[in-house]
Amino acid sequence: MTMRFSLPFLTLLLGLLIGAAGFAWLDTGRIAAPGEDPRLAIRLTPDERAHVRGEMLEFLNGVAVISDAALAGDRETIAETADALKRGDGGGQAIRQKVPEGFRLMSRDLRQGFAGISEMAATADMESIQRATAETLHRCAACHGSYRVIPQSRRPAGLATPPDG
């Protein structure tokens, strides 16, 4: 099965990827050296990192469940899975205060993607649902291409920001 994407969709996707790269560059203010990870580092505590990793795994598993359900024509599973992913568990409120605006926008856009899948599950054709799922997965990739989560380190006395890890 060949997936075809419309010109407006490809233009939007390219714009999102360029925008994500721009966020990362603006936030760091420099260009990464060869071999250096150019993504913006987000420093989180061990519990916060575990929460983020858990949510990312839920998103990835959810995309797989939705994809399988779309192949089987199982609208109920698509709706239930996407609905759960659009809401989250509320455990990320403190994290949202620590992350850059670009990360928050990408997170919101990802959840809106799942909300759209949930809404279309009852009536849309399966190809449209698969396309929306693929677009949502591209949002995951854009975020992973822009940000990385690293351990929050203690600041040595007199140092305004912790050294980059």
Protein backbone atom coordinates (compact mmCIF):
# COMPACT_ATOMS: atom_id res chain seq x y z
CA MET A 1 0.00 0.00 0.00
CA THR A 2 1.49 3.32 -1.04
CA MET A 3 0.82 6.31 1.20
CA ARG A 4 0.28 9.55 -0.68
CA PHE A 5 0.60 12.90 1.02
CA SER A 6 -0.90 16.11 -0.30
CA LEU A 7 1.24 19.15 -1.04
CA PRO A 8 -0.34 21.17 1.81
CA PHE A 9 0.43 18.35 4.27
CA LEU A 10 4.03 18.05 3.10
CA THR A 11 4.42 21.83 3.28
CA LEU A 12 3.03 21.82 6.83
CA LEU A 13 5.33 18.95 7.83
CA LEU A 14 8.38 20.69 6.38
CA GLY A 15 7.40 23.89 8.17
CA LEU A 16 7.06 22.05 11.48
CA LEU A 17 10.46 20.41 11.08
CA ILE A 18 12.14 23.69 10.14
CA GLY A 19 10.34 25.41 13.01
CA ALA A 20 11.46 22.74 15.46
CA ALA A 21 15.05 23.13 14.31
CA GLY A 22 14.66 26.88 14.67
CA PHE A 23 13.37 26.53 18.24
CA ALA A 24 16.36 24.40 19.12
CA TRP A 25 18.80 26.87 17.55
CA LEU A 26 17.16 29.93 19.12
CA ASP A 27 17.10 28.31 22.53
CA THR A 28 20.77 27.31 22.41
CA GLY A 29 21.97 30.39 20.54
CA ARG A 30 24.67 28.45 18.74
CA ILE A 31 25.28 25.78 16.17
CA ALA A 32 26.45 22.39 17.42
CA ALA A 33 29.95 21.25 16.66
CA PRO A 34 30.41 18.08 14.58
CA GLY A 35 29.65 15.05 16.74
CA GLU A 36 27.81 17.16 19.32
CA ASP A 37 24.11 16.60 20.00
CA PRO A 38 22.41 19.76 18.67
CA ARG A 39 19.11 19.16 20.45
CA LEU A 40 18.14 21.43 23.31
CA ALA A 41 18.81 19.75 26.64
CA ILE A 42 15.98 19.73 29.17
CA ARG A 43 17.20 19.05 32.69
CA LEU A 44 14.79 17.01 34.81
CA THR A 45 14.94 15.16 38.11
CA PRO A 46 14.99 11.35 38.06
CA ASP A 47 11.25 11.19 38.84
CA GLU A 48 10.45 13.75 36.13
CA ARG A 49 12.59 11.87 33.59
CA ALA A 50 10.81 8.62 34.50
CA HIS A 51 7.44 10.32 33.98
CA VAL A 52 8.47 11.69 30.56
CA ARG A 53 9.89 8.32 29.48
CA GLY A 54 6.71 6.60 30.62
CA GLU A 55 4.53 8.99 28.63
CA MET A 56 6.71 8.59 25.53
CA LEU A 57 6.37 4.82 25.79
CA GLU A 58 2.59 5.17 26.18
CA PHE A 59 2.47 7.34 23.04
CA LEU A 60 4.53 4.84 21.07
CA ASN A 61 2.48 1.86 22.27
CA GLY A 62 -0.71 3.81 21.60
CA VAL A 63 0.32 4.52 18.01
CA ALA A 64 0.96 0.79 17.54
CA VAL A 65 -2.43 -0.13 19.06
CA ILE A 66 -4.24 2.45 16.92
CA SER A 67 -2.44 1.25 13.78
CA ASP A 68 -3.33 -2.37 14.47
CA ALA A 69 -6.93 -1.43 15.28
CA ALA A 70 -7.21 0.57 12.05
CA LEU A 71 -6.06 -2.46 10.07
CA ALA A 72 -8.71 -4.56 11.86
CA GLY A 73 -11.41 -1.88 11.52
CA ASP A 74 -11.78 -1.74 15.32
CA ARG A 75 -13.21 1.74 15.86
CA GLU A 76 -13.83 1.25 19.59
CA THR A 77 -10.17 0.48 20.33
CA ILE A 78 -9.05 3.43 18.20
CA ALA A 79 -11.35 5.82 20.07
CA GLU A 80 -10.48 4.49 23.55
CA THR A 81 -6.74 4.50 22.94
CA ALA A 82 -6.60 7.94 21.33
CA ASP A 83 -8.90 9.36 24.01
CA ALA A 84 -6.61 8.13 26.80
CA LEU A 85 -3.55 9.62 25.06
CA LYS A 86 -5.11 13.02 24.50
CA ARG A 87 -5.65 13.52 28.24
CA GLY A 88 -2.54 12.23 29.97
CA ASP A 89 -2.52 11.43 33.68
CA GLY A 90 -2.00 14.96 35.02
CA GLY A 91 1.41 14.04 36.42
CA GLY A 92 3.28 16.39 34.12
CA GLN A 93 2.02 19.72 35.50
CA ALA A 94 5.25 20.53 37.37
CA ILE A 95 7.33 19.48 34.37
CA ARG A 96 5.45 21.90 32.10
CA GLN A 97 6.71 24.77 34.24
CA LYS A 98 10.34 23.72 33.64
CA VAL A 99 10.40 22.99 29.92
CA PRO A 100 10.81 25.51 27.06
CA GLU A 101 7.73 26.93 25.36
CA GLY A 102 8.54 25.03 22.16
CA PHE A 103 8.42 21.73 24.03
CA ARG A 104 5.07 22.65 25.61
CA LEU A 105 3.66 23.58 22.18
CA MET A 106 4.82 20.29 20.68
CA SER A 107 3.30 18.37 23.58
CA ARG A 108 -0.01 20.18 23.19
CA ASP A 109 0.02 19.61 19.42
CA LEU A 110 0.69 15.90 19.95
CA ARG A 111 -2.23 15.56 22.35
CA GLN A 112 -4.45 17.48 19.92
CA GLY A 113 -3.45 14.96 17.26
CA PHE A 114 -4.70 12.13 19.46
CA ALA A 115 -7.87 14.12 20.20
CA GLY A 116 -8.49 14.38 16.45
CA ILE A 117 -8.01 10.64 16.01
CA SER A 118 -10.45 9.98 18.86
CA GLU A 119 -13.06 12.26 17.28
CA MET A 120 -12.74 10.73 13.83
CA ALA A 121 -12.72 7.10 15.04
CA ALA A 122 -16.50 6.65 14.80
CA THR A 123 -17.01 7.78 11.21
CA ALA A 124 -13.80 8.32 9.23
CA ASP A 125 -12.48 5.76 6.79
CA MET A 126 -9.58 3.69 8.08
CA GLU A 127 -7.12 5.20 5.60
CA SER A 128 -7.83 8.67 7.02
CA ILE A 129 -7.35 7.35 10.54
CA GLN A 130 -4.05 5.75 9.53
CA ARG A 131 -2.96 9.00 7.90
CA ALA A 132 -3.83 10.98 11.05
CA THR A 133 -1.92 8.43 13.13
CA ALA A 134 1.14 8.79 10.89
CA GLU A 135 0.93 12.59 11.16
CA THR A 136 0.79 12.27 14.94
CA LEU A 137 3.86 10.02 14.91
CA HIS A 138 5.69 12.67 12.87
CA ARG A 139 4.99 15.08 15.75
CA CYS A 140 6.81 12.66 18.06
CA ALA A 141 9.78 12.58 15.70
CA ALA A 142 9.89 16.39 15.46
CA CYS A 143 10.07 16.69 19.23
CA HIS A 144 12.75 14.01 19.55
CA GLY A 145 14.73 15.82 16.86
CA SER A 146 14.58 19.07 18.81
CA TYR A 147 14.90 18.12 22.49
CA ARG A 148 16.68 15.69 24.76
CA VAL A 149 16.13 15.01 28.44
CA ILE A 150 19.19 14.92 30.67
CA PRO A 151 19.71 14.57 34.42
CA GLN A 152 19.25 17.73 36.41
CA SER A 153 22.60 18.41 38.04
CA ARG A 154 23.29 20.36 41.18
CA ARG A 155 24.64 23.83 40.57
CA PRO A 156 28.07 24.50 42.01
CA ALA A 157 28.10 27.64 44.17
CA GLY A 158 28.26 30.78 42.05
CA LEU A 159 27.36 29.05 38.78
CA ALA A 160 24.24 30.49 37.16
CA THR A 161 23.40 27.44 35.07
CA PRO A 162 24.57 23.86 35.44
CA PRO A 163 27.14 22.61 32.94
CA ASP A 164 25.67 20.92 29.88
CA GLY A 165 25.63 17.14 30.09
